[in-house]
Amino acid sequence: MTSQRIIVIDDSKLVLAVASDALEAAGYEVITTDSGIDANRFIYGTPRPDLILIDVMMPLLNGDRKVRLLKQREASSKIPIVLMSTKSRDELADLARESGADAFIQKPFDGKSLVRQVRQLLPS
């Protein structure tokens, strides 16, 4: 059985490391990138990701805008997306709902919380 593939998009090397370590330890294949634009080659490549984690505050293209674009394209519209941010819970919940994200997680987060959130969206 192949592991489920997750793309983590964040401009913070620390967040990429924490997310990658936690998710890989839980058995997921993880690809990290610090650019929402660069992420396209992984999102639309083969194999496609099973889930995308994206930071709201990104250079060039904010995460909530990227979510809207991904949900508009048929090739990526069904991929679950989790928004990540240091914004308040209410503000982040609003952004997730408005952009079409499937879930959100507040930063900073610990690895266990992240894995729990991912497992809710990707049952094994």
PDB file of N, CA and C in Angstrom:
ATOM      1  N   MET A   1       0.848  -1.190   0.000  1.00  0.00           N
ATOM      2  CA  MET A   1       0.000   0.000   0.000  1.00  0.00           C
ATOM      3  C   MET A   1       0.888   1.245   0.000  1.00  0.00           C
ATOM      4  N   THR A   2       0.563   2.198  -0.863  1.00  0.00           N
ATOM      5  CA  THR A   2       1.339   3.435  -0.903  1.00  0.00           C
ATOM      6  C   THR A   2       0.816   4.390   0.156  1.00  0.00           C
ATOM      7  N   SER A   3       1.723   5.216   0.654  1.00  0.00           N
ATOM      8  CA  SER A   3       1.301   6.172   1.677  1.00  0.00           C
ATOM      9  C   SER A   3       0.587   7.353   1.027  1.00  0.00           C
ATOM     10  N   GLN A   4      -0.208   8.015   1.811  1.00  0.00           N
ATOM     11  CA  GLN A   4      -0.936   9.174   1.305  1.00  0.00           C
ATOM     12  C   GLN A   4       0.020  10.354   1.216  1.00  0.00           C
ATOM     13  N   ARG A   5      -0.143  11.143   0.163  1.00  0.00           N
ATOM     14  CA  ARG A   5       0.781  12.235  -0.150  1.00  0.00           C
ATOM     15  C   ARG A   5       0.197  13.569   0.297  1.00  0.00           C
ATOM     16  N   ILE A   6       1.000  14.326   1.046  1.00  0.00           N
ATOM     17  CA  ILE A   6       0.585  15.631   1.550  1.00  0.00           C
ATOM     18  C   ILE A   6       1.585  16.684   1.109  1.00  0.00           C
ATOM     19  N   ILE A   7       1.082  17.804   0.616  1.00  0.00           N
ATOM     20  CA  ILE A   7       1.932  18.939   0.272  1.00  0.00           C
ATOM     21  C   ILE A   7       1.757  19.999   1.350  1.00  0.00           C
ATOM     22  N   VAL A   8       2.871  20.482   1.885  1.00  0.00           N
ATOM     23  CA  VAL A   8       2.864  21.540   2.892  1.00  0.00           C
ATOM     24  C   VAL A   8       3.477  22.783   2.258  1.00  0.00           C
ATOM     25  N   ILE A   9       2.705  23.884   2.253  1.00  0.00           N
ATOM     26  CA  ILE A   9       3.146  25.138   1.640  1.00  0.00           C
ATOM     27  C   ILE A   9       3.214  26.205   2.723  1.00  0.00           C
ATOM     28  N   ASP A  10       4.426  26.662   3.018  1.00  0.00           N
ATOM     29  CA  ASP A  10       4.621  27.684   4.044  1.00  0.00           C
ATOM     30  C   ASP A  10       5.971  28.350   3.806  1.00  0.00           C
ATOM     31  N   ASP A  11       6.058  29.644   4.065  1.00  0.00           N
ATOM     32  CA  ASP A  11       7.330  30.345   3.886  1.00  0.00           C
ATOM     33  C   ASP A  11       8.208  30.277   5.133  1.00  0.00           C
ATOM     34  N   SER A  12       7.766  29.577   6.165  1.00  0.00           N
ATOM     35  CA  SER A  12       8.552  29.395   7.384  1.00  0.00           C
ATOM     36  C   SER A  12       9.232  28.024   7.361  1.00  0.00           C
ATOM     37  N   LYS A  13      10.555  28.022   7.394  1.00  0.00           N
ATOM     38  CA  LYS A  13      11.294  26.756   7.414  1.00  0.00           C
ATOM     39  C   LYS A  13      10.966  25.941   8.666  1.00  0.00           C
ATOM     40  N   LEU A  14      10.722  26.624   9.778  1.00  0.00           N
ATOM     41  CA  LEU A  14      10.380  25.933  11.023  1.00  0.00           C
ATOM     42  C   LEU A  14       9.051  25.185  10.889  1.00  0.00           C
ATOM     43  N   VAL A  15       8.036  25.851  10.348  1.00  0.00           N
ATOM     44  CA  VAL A  15       6.730  25.206  10.164  1.00  0.00           C
ATOM     45  C   VAL A  15       6.859  24.026   9.205  1.00  0.00           C
ATOM     46  N   LEU A  16       7.613  24.206   8.119  1.00  0.00           N
ATOM     47  CA  LEU A  16       7.810  23.107   7.169  1.00  0.00           C
ATOM     48  C   LEU A  16       8.471  21.915   7.860  1.00  0.00           C
ATOM     49  N   ALA A  17       9.457  22.180   8.708  1.00  0.00           N
ATOM     50  CA  ALA A  17      10.161  21.097   9.403  1.00  0.00           C
ATOM     51  C   ALA A  17       9.259  20.389  10.413  1.00  0.00           C
ATOM     52  N   VAL A  18       8.524  21.153  11.219  1.00  0.00           N
ATOM     53  CA  VAL A  18       7.630  20.563  12.223  1.00  0.00           C
ATOM     54  C   VAL A  18       6.553  19.721  11.540  1.00  0.00           C
ATOM     55  N   ALA A  19       5.928  20.281  10.504  1.00  0.00           N
ATOM     56  CA  ALA A  19       4.863  19.563   9.795  1.00  0.00           C
ATOM     57  C   ALA A  19       5.411  18.305   9.127  1.00  0.00           C
ATOM     58  N   SER A  20       6.527  18.444   8.443  1.00  0.00           N
ATOM     59  CA  SER A  20       7.119  17.311   7.744  1.00  0.00           C
ATOM     60  C   SER A  20       7.503  16.189   8.714  1.00  0.00           C
ATOM     61  N   ASP A  21       8.169  16.541   9.800  1.00  0.00           N
ATOM     62  CA  ASP A  21       8.581  15.526  10.781  1.00  0.00           C
ATOM     63  C   ASP A  21       7.380  14.782  11.360  1.00  0.00           C
ATOM     64  N   ALA A  22       6.354  15.523  11.759  1.00  0.00           N
ATOM     65  CA  ALA A  22       5.172  14.907  12.376  1.00  0.00           C
ATOM     66  C   ALA A  22       4.422  14.017  11.389  1.00  0.00           C
ATOM     67  N   LEU A  23       4.230  14.514  10.184  1.00  0.00           N
ATOM     68  CA  LEU A  23       3.453  13.764   9.195  1.00  0.00           C
ATOM     69  C   LEU A  23       4.212  12.538   8.687  1.00  0.00           C
ATOM     70  N   GLU A  24       5.512  12.681   8.477  1.00  0.00           N
ATOM     71  CA  GLU A  24       6.302  11.524   8.047  1.00  0.00           C
ATOM     72  C   GLU A  24       6.328  10.452   9.136  1.00  0.00           C
ATOM     73  N   ALA A  25       6.439  10.873  10.398  1.00  0.00           N
ATOM     74  CA  ALA A  25       6.419   9.912  11.511  1.00  0.00           C
ATOM     75  C   ALA A  25       5.082   9.173  11.581  1.00  0.00           C
ATOM     76  N   ALA A  26       4.014   9.816  11.102  1.00  0.00           N
ATOM     77  CA  ALA A  26       2.682   9.196  11.095  1.00  0.00           C
ATOM     78  C   ALA A  26       2.452   8.352   9.837  1.00  0.00           C
ATOM     79  N   GLY A  27       3.461   8.274   8.959  1.00  0.00           N
ATOM     80  CA  GLY A  27       3.357   7.404   7.793  1.00  0.00           C
ATOM     81  C   GLY A  27       2.966   8.067   6.489  1.00  0.00           C
ATOM     82  N   TYR A  28       2.893   9.387   6.463  1.00  0.00           N
ATOM     83  CA  TYR A  28       2.525  10.094   5.239  1.00  0.00           C
ATOM     84  C   TYR A  28       3.765  10.424   4.413  1.00  0.00           C
ATOM     85  N   GLU A  29       3.589  10.493   3.112  1.00  0.00           N
ATOM     86  CA  GLU A  29       4.625  11.024   2.225  1.00  0.00           C
ATOM     87  C   GLU A  29       4.430  12.536   2.210  1.00  0.00           C
ATOM     88  N   VAL A  30       5.480  13.302   2.460  1.00  0.00           N
ATOM     89  CA  VAL A  30       5.356  14.751   2.587  1.00  0.00           C
ATOM     90  C   VAL A  30       6.266  15.464   1.594  1.00  0.00           C
ATOM     91  N   ILE A  31       5.692  16.440   0.921  1.00  0.00           N
ATOM     92  CA  ILE A  31       6.448  17.331   0.043  1.00  0.00           C
ATOM     93  C   ILE A  31       6.284  18.727   0.608  1.00  0.00           C
ATOM     94  N   THR A  32       7.380  19.454   0.760  1.00  0.00           N
ATOM     95  CA  THR A  32       7.308  20.814   1.287  1.00  0.00           C
ATOM     96  C   THR A  32       7.789  21.809   0.241  1.00  0.00           C
ATOM     97  N   THR A  33       7.195  22.993   0.283  1.00  0.00           N
ATOM     98  CA  THR A  33       7.628  24.086  -0.579  1.00  0.00           C
ATOM     99  C   THR A  33       7.307  25.402   0.109  1.00  0.00           C
ATOM    100  N   ASP A  34       8.110  26.414  -0.193  1.00  0.00           N
ATOM    101  CA  ASP A  34       7.891  27.729   0.415  1.00  0.00           C
ATOM    102  C   ASP A  34       7.171  28.681  -0.529  1.00  0.00           C
ATOM    103  N   SER A  35       6.592  28.146  -1.610  1.00  0.00           N
ATOM    104  CA  SER A  35       5.926  28.983  -2.604  1.00  0.00           C
ATOM    105  C   SER A  35       4.638  28.335  -3.102  1.00  0.00           C
ATOM    106  N   GLY A  36       3.555  29.104  -3.033  1.00  0.00           N
ATOM    107  CA  GLY A  36       2.282  28.616  -3.553  1.00  0.00           C
ATOM    108  C   GLY A  36       2.303  28.429  -5.058  1.00  0.00           C
ATOM    109  N   ILE A  37       3.119  29.223  -5.730  1.00  0.00           N
ATOM    110  CA  ILE A  37       3.233  29.110  -7.188  1.00  0.00           C
ATOM    111  C   ILE A  37       4.045  27.867  -7.543  1.00  0.00           C
ATOM    112  N   ASP A  38       5.170  27.671  -6.861  1.00  0.00           N
ATOM    113  CA  ASP A  38       6.012  26.494  -7.082  1.00  0.00           C
ATOM    114  C   ASP A  38       5.253  25.203  -6.759  1.00  0.00           C
ATOM    115  N   ALA A  39       4.312  25.276  -5.843  1.00  0.00           N
ATOM    116  CA  ALA A  39       3.547  24.091  -5.437  1.00  0.00           C
ATOM    117  C   ALA A  39       2.750  23.487  -6.589  1.00  0.00           C
ATOM    118  N   ASN A  40       2.445  24.280  -7.604  1.00  0.00           N
ATOM    119  CA  ASN A  40       1.635  23.775  -8.722  1.00  0.00           C
ATOM    120  C   ASN A  40       2.234  22.536  -9.370  1.00  0.00           C
ATOM    121  N   ARG A  41       3.561  22.476  -9.466  1.00  0.00           N
ATOM    122  CA  ARG A  41       4.166  21.308 -10.126  1.00  0.00           C
ATOM    123  C   ARG A  41       3.923  20.024  -9.328  1.00  0.00           C
ATOM    124  N   PHE A  42       3.734  20.157  -8.017  1.00  0.00           N
ATOM    125  CA  PHE A  42       3.424  18.986  -7.187  1.00  0.00           C
ATOM    126  C   PHE A  42       1.916  18.717  -7.158  1.00  0.00           C
ATOM    127  N   ILE A  43       1.132  19.790  -7.146  1.00  0.00           N
ATOM    128  CA  ILE A  43      -0.326  19.648  -7.078  1.00  0.00           C
ATOM    129  C   ILE A  43      -0.881  19.038  -8.361  1.00  0.00           C
ATOM    130  N   TYR A  44      -0.354  19.491  -9.509  1.00  0.00           N
ATOM    131  CA  TYR A  44      -0.879  19.022 -10.790  1.00  0.00           C
ATOM    132  C   TYR A  44      -0.010  17.954 -11.435  1.00  0.00           C
ATOM    133  N   GLY A  45       1.034  17.521 -10.741  1.00  0.00           N
ATOM    134  CA  GLY A  45       1.897  16.456 -11.244  1.00  0.00           C
ATOM    135  C   GLY A  45       1.307  15.096 -10.924  1.00  0.00           C
ATOM    136  N   THR A  46       2.130  14.075 -11.131  1.00  0.00           N
ATOM    137  CA  THR A  46       1.693  12.713 -10.854  1.00  0.00           C
ATOM    138  C   THR A  46       2.647  12.094  -9.859  1.00  0.00           C
ATOM    139  N   PRO A  47       2.188  11.470  -8.810  1.00  0.00           N
ATOM    140  CA  PRO A  47       0.785  11.383  -8.405  1.00  0.00           C
ATOM    141  C   PRO A  47       0.313  12.667  -7.739  1.00  0.00           C
ATOM    142  N   ARG A  48      -0.969  12.876  -7.798  1.00  0.00           N
ATOM    143  CA  ARG A  48      -1.574  14.062  -7.178  1.00  0.00           C
ATOM    144  C   ARG A  48      -1.556  13.913  -5.658  1.00  0.00           C
ATOM    145  N   PRO A  49      -1.559  15.043  -4.949  1.00  0.00           N
ATOM    146  CA  PRO A  49      -1.588  14.951  -3.482  1.00  0.00           C
ATOM    147  C   PRO A  49      -2.963  14.519  -2.976  1.00  0.00           C
ATOM    148  N   ASP A  50      -2.970  13.924  -1.808  1.00  0.00           N
ATOM    149  CA  ASP A  50      -4.220  13.549  -1.148  1.00  0.00           C
ATOM    150  C   ASP A  50      -4.730  14.674  -0.258  1.00  0.00           C
ATOM    151  N   LEU A  51      -3.825  15.613   0.107  1.00  0.00           N
ATOM    152  CA  LEU A  51      -4.195  16.721   0.983  1.00  0.00           C
ATOM    153  C   LEU A  51      -3.153  17.824   0.833  1.00  0.00           C
ATOM    154  N   ILE A  52      -3.605  19.078   1.005  1.00  0.00           N
ATOM    155  CA  ILE A  52      -2.713  20.236   0.939  1.00  0.00           C
ATOM    156  C   ILE A  52      -2.862  21.038   2.224  1.00  0.00           C
ATOM    157  N   LEU A  53      -1.728  21.389   2.829  1.00  0.00           N
ATOM    158  CA  LEU A  53      -1.680  22.311   3.968  1.00  0.00           C
ATOM    159  C   LEU A  53      -1.052  23.593   3.453  1.00  0.00           C
ATOM    160  N   ILE A  54      -1.712  24.741   3.666  1.00  0.00           N
ATOM    161  CA  ILE A  54      -1.164  25.991   3.146  1.00  0.00           C
ATOM    162  C   ILE A  54      -1.309  27.127   4.152  1.00  0.00           C
ATOM    163  N   ASP A  55      -0.239  27.903   4.278  1.00  0.00           N
ATOM    164  CA  ASP A  55      -0.221  29.072   5.149  1.00  0.00           C
ATOM    165  C   ASP A  55      -1.019  30.198   4.502  1.00  0.00           C
ATOM    166  N   VAL A  56      -1.715  30.976   5.313  1.00  0.00           N
ATOM    167  CA  VAL A  56      -2.492  32.105   4.795  1.00  0.00           C
ATOM    168  C   VAL A  56      -1.576  33.215   4.292  1.00  0.00           C
ATOM    169  N   MET A  57      -0.618  33.617   5.118  1.00  0.00           N
ATOM    170  CA  MET A  57       0.241  34.752   4.784  1.00  0.00           C
ATOM    171  C   MET A  57       1.469  34.283   4.006  1.00  0.00           C
ATOM    172  N   MET A  58       1.366  34.346   2.685  1.00  0.00           N
ATOM    173  CA  MET A  58       2.449  33.906   1.812  1.00  0.00           C
ATOM    174  C   MET A  58       2.847  35.041   0.876  1.00  0.00           C
ATOM    175  N   PRO A  59       4.134  35.103   0.500  1.00  0.00           N
ATOM    176  CA  PRO A  59       4.541  36.112  -0.472  1.00  0.00           C
ATOM    177  C   PRO A  59       3.946  35.795  -1.850  1.00  0.00           C
ATOM    178  N   LEU A  60       3.683  36.813  -2.612  1.00  0.00           N
ATOM    179  CA  LEU A  60       3.158  36.739  -3.979  1.00  0.00           C
ATOM    180  C   LEU A  60       1.700  36.305  -4.072  1.00  0.00           C
ATOM    181  N   LEU A  61       1.319  35.251  -3.368  1.00  0.00           N
ATOM    182  CA  LEU A  61      -0.048  34.728  -3.475  1.00  0.00           C
ATOM    183  C   LEU A  61      -0.487  34.207  -2.108  1.00  0.00           C
ATOM    184  N   ASN A  62      -1.405  34.926  -1.461  1.00  0.00           N
ATOM    185  CA  ASN A  62      -1.889  34.513  -0.141  1.00  0.00           C
ATOM    186  C   ASN A  62      -2.548  33.139  -0.211  1.00  0.00           C
ATOM    187  N   GLY A  63      -2.453  32.407   0.895  1.00  0.00           N
ATOM    188  CA  GLY A  63      -2.996  31.062   0.947  1.00  0.00           C
ATOM    189  C   GLY A  63      -4.482  30.986   0.685  1.00  0.00           C
ATOM    190  N   ASP A  64      -5.256  31.942   1.202  1.00  0.00           N
ATOM    191  CA  ASP A  64      -6.701  31.890   0.973  1.00  0.00           C
ATOM    192  C   ASP A  64      -7.031  32.104  -0.504  1.00  0.00           C
ATOM    193  N   ARG A  65      -6.253  32.941  -1.182  1.00  0.00           N
ATOM    194  CA  ARG A  65      -6.453  33.149  -2.628  1.00  0.00           C
ATOM    195  C   ARG A  65      -6.076  31.875  -3.388  1.00  0.00           C
ATOM    196  N   LYS A  66      -4.996  31.237  -2.964  1.00  0.00           N
ATOM    197  CA  LYS A  66      -4.563  29.988  -3.598  1.00  0.00           C
ATOM    198  C   LYS A  66      -5.639  28.914  -3.440  1.00  0.00           C
ATOM    199  N   VAL A  67      -6.254  28.844  -2.261  1.00  0.00           N
ATOM    200  CA  VAL A  67      -7.330  27.868  -2.040  1.00  0.00           C
ATOM    201  C   VAL A  67      -8.463  28.110  -3.035  1.00  0.00           C
ATOM    202  N   ARG A  68      -8.866  29.363  -3.188  1.00  0.00           N
ATOM    203  CA  ARG A  68      -9.946  29.684  -4.140  1.00  0.00           C
ATOM    204  C   ARG A  68      -9.594  29.201  -5.546  1.00  0.00           C
ATOM    205  N   LEU A  69      -8.355  29.462  -5.967  1.00  0.00           N
ATOM    206  CA  LEU A  69      -7.915  29.042  -7.301  1.00  0.00           C
ATOM    207  C   LEU A  69      -7.917  27.521  -7.432  1.00  0.00           C
ATOM    208  N   LEU A  70      -7.445  26.829  -6.414  1.00  0.00           N
ATOM    209  CA  LEU A  70      -7.419  25.363  -6.453  1.00  0.00           C
ATOM    210  C   LEU A  70      -8.825  24.773  -6.494  1.00  0.00           C
ATOM    211  N   LYS A  71      -9.742  25.354  -5.744  1.00  0.00           N
ATOM    212  CA  LYS A  71     -11.113  24.838  -5.699  1.00  0.00           C
ATOM    213  C   LYS A  71     -11.886  25.132  -6.988  1.00  0.00           C
ATOM    214  N   GLN A  72     -11.415  26.116  -7.774  1.00  0.00           N
ATOM    215  CA  GLN A  72     -12.070  26.446  -9.045  1.00  0.00           C
ATOM    216  C   GLN A  72     -11.667  25.493 -10.171  1.00  0.00           C
ATOM    217  N   ARG A  73     -10.495  24.895 -10.065  1.00  0.00           N
ATOM    218  CA  ARG A  73     -10.008  24.002 -11.120  1.00  0.00           C
ATOM    219  C   ARG A  73     -10.473  22.575 -10.860  1.00  0.00           C
ATOM    220  N   GLU A  74     -11.008  21.960 -11.882  1.00  0.00           N
ATOM    221  CA  GLU A  74     -11.533  20.605 -11.726  1.00  0.00           C
ATOM    222  C   GLU A  74     -10.462  19.628 -11.242  1.00  0.00           C
ATOM    223  N   ALA A  75      -9.237  19.782 -11.721  1.00  0.00           N
ATOM    224  CA  ALA A  75      -8.158  18.855 -11.374  1.00  0.00           C
ATOM    225  C   ALA A  75      -7.782  18.901  -9.895  1.00  0.00           C
ATOM    226  N   SER A  76      -8.089  20.005  -9.221  1.00  0.00           N
ATOM    227  CA  SER A  76      -7.707  20.131  -7.809  1.00  0.00           C
ATOM    228  C   SER A  76      -8.885  20.409  -6.880  1.00  0.00           C
ATOM    229  N   SER A  77     -10.071  20.491  -7.418  1.00  0.00           N
ATOM    230  CA  SER A  77     -11.228  20.910  -6.613  1.00  0.00           C
ATOM    231  C   SER A  77     -11.605  19.929  -5.504  1.00  0.00           C
ATOM    232  N   LYS A  78     -11.258  18.667  -5.658  1.00  0.00           N
ATOM    233  CA  LYS A  78     -11.652  17.651  -4.668  1.00  0.00           C
ATOM    234  C   LYS A  78     -10.563  17.368  -3.625  1.00  0.00           C
ATOM    235  N   ILE A  79      -9.392  17.982  -3.774  1.00  0.00           N
ATOM    236  CA  ILE A  79      -8.301  17.753  -2.822  1.00  0.00           C
ATOM    237  C   ILE A  79      -8.604  18.512  -1.534  1.00  0.00           C
ATOM    238  N   PRO A  80      -8.636  17.839  -0.387  1.00  0.00           N
ATOM    239  CA  PRO A  80      -8.861  18.552   0.875  1.00  0.00           C
ATOM    240  C   PRO A  80      -7.717  19.534   1.141  1.00  0.00           C
ATOM    241  N   ILE A  81      -8.084  20.731   1.618  1.00  0.00           N
ATOM    242  CA  ILE A  81      -7.094  21.769   1.897  1.00  0.00           C
ATOM    243  C   ILE A  81      -7.293  22.283   3.317  1.00  0.00           C
ATOM    244  N   VAL A  82      -6.174  22.398   4.034  1.00  0.00           N
ATOM    245  CA  VAL A  82      -6.168  22.929   5.395  1.00  0.00           C
ATOM    246  C   VAL A  82      -5.405  24.248   5.387  1.00  0.00           C
ATOM    247  N   LEU A  83      -6.062  25.319   5.825  1.00  0.00           N
ATOM    248  CA  LEU A  83      -5.401  26.617   5.978  1.00  0.00           C
ATOM    249  C   LEU A  83      -4.685  26.659   7.324  1.00  0.00           C
ATOM    250  N   MET A  84      -3.481  27.238   7.329  1.00  0.00           N
ATOM    251  CA  MET A  84      -2.715  27.405   8.569  1.00  0.00           C
ATOM    252  C   MET A  84      -2.442  28.892   8.758  1.00  0.00           C
ATOM    253  N   SER A  85      -2.531  29.371  10.003  1.00  0.00           N
ATOM    254  CA  SER A  85      -2.259  30.785  10.258  1.00  0.00           C
ATOM    255  C   SER A  85      -2.123  31.060  11.747  1.00  0.00           C
ATOM    256  N   THR A  86      -1.493  32.196  12.047  1.00  0.00           N
ATOM    257  CA  THR A  86      -1.437  32.689  13.426  1.00  0.00           C
ATOM    258  C   THR A  86      -2.620  33.603  13.717  1.00  0.00           C
ATOM    259  N   LYS A  87      -3.493  33.802  12.730  1.00  0.00           N
ATOM    260  CA  LYS A  87      -4.675  34.645  12.937  1.00  0.00           C
ATOM    261  C   LYS A  87      -5.547  34.056  14.046  1.00  0.00           C
ATOM    262  N   SER A  88      -6.442  34.881  14.573  1.00  0.00           N
ATOM    263  CA  SER A  88      -7.349  34.397  15.615  1.00  0.00           C
ATOM    264  C   SER A  88      -8.209  33.256  15.064  1.00  0.00           C
ATOM    265  N   ARG A  89      -8.690  32.418  15.960  1.00  0.00           N
ATOM    266  CA  ARG A  89      -9.510  31.270  15.556  1.00  0.00           C
ATOM    267  C   ARG A  89     -10.717  31.712  14.729  1.00  0.00           C
ATOM    268  N   ASP A  90     -11.416  32.759  15.176  1.00  0.00           N
ATOM    269  CA  ASP A  90     -12.598  33.235  14.452  1.00  0.00           C
ATOM    270  C   ASP A  90     -12.232  33.755  13.063  1.00  0.00           C
ATOM    271  N   GLU A  91     -11.162  34.539  12.993  1.00  0.00           N
ATOM    272  CA  GLU A  91     -10.742  35.091  11.702  1.00  0.00           C
ATOM    273  C   GLU A  91     -10.303  33.974  10.751  1.00  0.00           C
ATOM    274  N   LEU A  92      -9.584  33.006  11.280  1.00  0.00           N
ATOM    275  CA  LEU A  92      -9.132  31.885  10.463  1.00  0.00           C
ATOM    276  C   LEU A  92     -10.311  31.021  10.011  1.00  0.00           C
ATOM    277  N   ALA A  93     -11.273  30.807  10.879  1.00  0.00           N
ATOM    278  CA  ALA A  93     -12.473  30.042  10.513  1.00  0.00           C
ATOM    279  C   ALA A  93     -13.228  30.744   9.390  1.00  0.00           C
ATOM    280  N   ASP A  94     -13.346  32.068   9.482  1.00  0.00           N
ATOM    281  CA  ASP A  94     -14.009  32.840   8.426  1.00  0.00           C
ATOM    282  C   ASP A  94     -13.259  32.718   7.101  1.00  0.00           C
ATOM    283  N   LEU A  95     -11.932  32.867   7.149  1.00  0.00           N
ATOM    284  CA  LEU A  95     -11.122  32.749   5.932  1.00  0.00           C
ATOM    285  C   LEU A  95     -11.263  31.364   5.308  1.00  0.00           C
ATOM    286  N   ALA A  96     -11.247  30.341   6.132  1.00  0.00           N
ATOM    287  CA  ALA A  96     -11.383  28.975   5.628  1.00  0.00           C
ATOM    288  C   ALA A  96     -12.731  28.789   4.941  1.00  0.00           C
ATOM    289  N   ARG A  97     -13.786  29.250   5.587  1.00  0.00           N
ATOM    290  CA  ARG A  97     -15.131  29.117   5.014  1.00  0.00           C
ATOM    291  C   ARG A  97     -15.249  29.897   3.705  1.00  0.00           C
ATOM    292  N   GLU A  98     -14.794  31.156   3.708  1.00  0.00           N
ATOM    293  CA  GLU A  98     -14.918  32.015   2.530  1.00  0.00           C
ATOM    294  C   GLU A  98     -14.084  31.514   1.348  1.00  0.00           C
ATOM    295  N   SER A  99     -12.936  30.932   1.627  1.00  0.00           N
ATOM    296  CA  SER A  99     -12.047  30.494   0.549  1.00  0.00           C
ATOM    297  C   SER A  99     -12.401  29.109   0.016  1.00  0.00           C
ATOM    298  N   GLY A 100     -13.131  28.336   0.810  1.00  0.00           N
ATOM    299  CA  GLY A 100     -13.475  26.981   0.396  1.00  0.00           C
ATOM    300  C   GLY A 100     -12.563  25.917   0.983  1.00  0.00           C
ATOM    301  N   ALA A 101     -11.690  26.316   1.925  1.00  0.00           N
ATOM    302  CA  ALA A 101     -10.816  25.337   2.582  1.00  0.00           C
ATOM    303  C   ALA A 101     -11.665  24.341   3.371  1.00  0.00           C
ATOM    304  N   ASP A 102     -11.165  23.140   3.494  1.00  0.00           N
ATOM    305  CA  ASP A 102     -11.903  22.083   4.184  1.00  0.00           C
ATOM    306  C   ASP A 102     -11.724  22.120   5.693  1.00  0.00           C
ATOM    307  N   ALA A 103     -10.636  22.739   6.140  1.00  0.00           N
ATOM    308  CA  ALA A 103     -10.348  22.819   7.576  1.00  0.00           C
ATOM    309  C   ALA A 103      -9.292  23.890   7.801  1.00  0.00           C
ATOM    310  N   PHE A 104      -8.989  24.136   9.072  1.00  0.00           N
ATOM    311  CA  PHE A 104      -7.931  25.091   9.406  1.00  0.00           C
ATOM    312  C   PHE A 104      -7.245  24.642  10.682  1.00  0.00           C
ATOM    313  N   ILE A 105      -6.027  25.125  10.866  1.00  0.00           N
ATOM    314  CA  ILE A 105      -5.291  24.866  12.099  1.00  0.00           C
ATOM    315  C   ILE A 105      -4.495  26.122  12.440  1.00  0.00           C
ATOM    316  N   GLN A 106      -4.566  26.497  13.703  1.00  0.00           N
ATOM    317  CA  GLN A 106      -3.843  27.686  14.155  1.00  0.00           C
ATOM    318  C   GLN A 106      -2.383  27.353  14.427  1.00  0.00           C
ATOM    319  N   LYS A 107      -1.517  28.289  14.045  1.00  0.00           N
ATOM    320  CA  LYS A 107      -0.095  28.187  14.369  1.00  0.00           C
ATOM    321  C   LYS A 107       0.167  29.038  15.598  1.00  0.00           C
ATOM    322  N   PRO A 108       1.094  28.668  16.438  1.00  0.00           N
ATOM    323  CA  PRO A 108       1.890  27.444  16.326  1.00  0.00           C
ATOM    324  C   PRO A 108       1.071  26.213  16.727  1.00  0.00           C
ATOM    325  N   PHE A 109       1.384  25.107  16.111  1.00  0.00           N
ATOM    326  CA  PHE A 109       0.718  23.848  16.438  1.00  0.00           C
ATOM    327  C   PHE A 109       1.785  22.815  16.779  1.00  0.00           C
ATOM    328  N   ASP A 110       1.370  21.778  17.480  1.00  0.00           N
ATOM    329  CA  ASP A 110       2.307  20.683  17.734  1.00  0.00           C
ATOM    330  C   ASP A 110       2.000  19.561  16.745  1.00  0.00           C
ATOM    331  N   GLY A 111       2.944  18.665  16.611  1.00  0.00           N
ATOM    332  CA  GLY A 111       2.805  17.588  15.636  1.00  0.00           C
ATOM    333  C   GLY A 111       1.578  16.723  15.846  1.00  0.00           C
ATOM    334  N   LYS A 112       1.240  16.444  17.094  1.00  0.00           N
ATOM    335  CA  LYS A 112       0.076  15.596  17.381  1.00  0.00           C
ATOM    336  C   LYS A 112      -1.218  16.247  16.908  1.00  0.00           C
ATOM    337  N   SER A 113      -1.348  17.554  17.139  1.00  0.00           N
ATOM    338  CA  SER A 113      -2.556  18.274  16.700  1.00  0.00           C
ATOM    339  C   SER A 113      -2.673  18.257  15.184  1.00  0.00           C
ATOM    340  N   LEU A 114      -1.546  18.443  14.517  1.00  0.00           N
ATOM    341  CA  LEU A 114      -1.552  18.444  13.057  1.00  0.00           C
ATOM    342  C   LEU A 114      -1.953  17.075  12.518  1.00  0.00           C
ATOM    343  N   VAL A 115      -1.357  16.036  13.036  1.00  0.00           N
ATOM    344  CA  VAL A 115      -1.678  14.681  12.576  1.00  0.00           C
ATOM    345  C   VAL A 115      -3.150  14.364  12.841  1.00  0.00           C
ATOM    346  N   ARG A 116      -3.667  14.761  13.981  1.00  0.00           N
ATOM    347  CA  ARG A 116      -5.086  14.537  14.304  1.00  0.00           C
ATOM    348  C   ARG A 116      -5.983  15.228  13.272  1.00  0.00           C
ATOM    349  N   GLN A 117      -5.662  16.472  12.919  1.00  0.00           N
ATOM    350  CA  GLN A 117      -6.447  17.217  11.927  1.00  0.00           C
ATOM    351  C   GLN A 117      -6.391  16.522  10.566  1.00  0.00           C
ATOM    352  N   VAL A 118      -5.207  16.088  10.170  1.00  0.00           N
ATOM    353  CA  VAL A 118      -5.041  15.414   8.881  1.00  0.00           C
ATOM    354  C   VAL A 118      -5.829  14.102   8.857  1.00  0.00           C
ATOM    355  N   ARG A 119      -5.777  13.341   9.921  1.00  0.00           N
ATOM    356  CA  ARG A 119      -6.490  12.052   9.963  1.00  0.00           C
ATOM    357  C   ARG A 119      -8.001  12.223   9.864  1.00  0.00           C
ATOM    358  N   GLN A 120      -8.516  13.360  10.317  1.00  0.00           N
ATOM    359  CA  GLN A 120      -9.954  13.618  10.172  1.00  0.00           C
ATOM    360  C   GLN A 120     -10.331  13.771   8.701  1.00  0.00           C
ATOM    361  N   LEU A 121      -9.412  14.312   7.914  1.00  0.00           N
ATOM    362  CA  LEU A 121      -9.685  14.538   6.493  1.00  0.00           C
ATOM    363  C   LEU A 121      -9.244  13.375   5.607  1.00  0.00           C
ATOM    364  N   LEU A 122      -8.281  12.594   6.089  1.00  0.00           N
ATOM    365  CA  LEU A 122      -7.755  11.461   5.318  1.00  0.00           C
ATOM    366  C   LEU A 122      -7.846  10.175   6.130  1.00  0.00           C
ATOM    367  N   PRO A 123      -9.026   9.620   6.257  1.00  0.00           N
ATOM    368  CA  PRO A 123      -9.115   8.353   6.985  1.00  0.00           C
ATOM    369  C   PRO A 123      -8.288   7.289   6.267  1.00  0.00           C
ATOM    370  N   SER A 124      -7.657   6.415   7.045  1.00  0.00           N
ATOM    371  CA  SER A 124      -6.793   5.400   6.412  1.00  0.00           C
ATOM    372  C   SER A 124      -7.554   4.234   5.859  1.00  0.00           C
TER     373      SER A 124
END
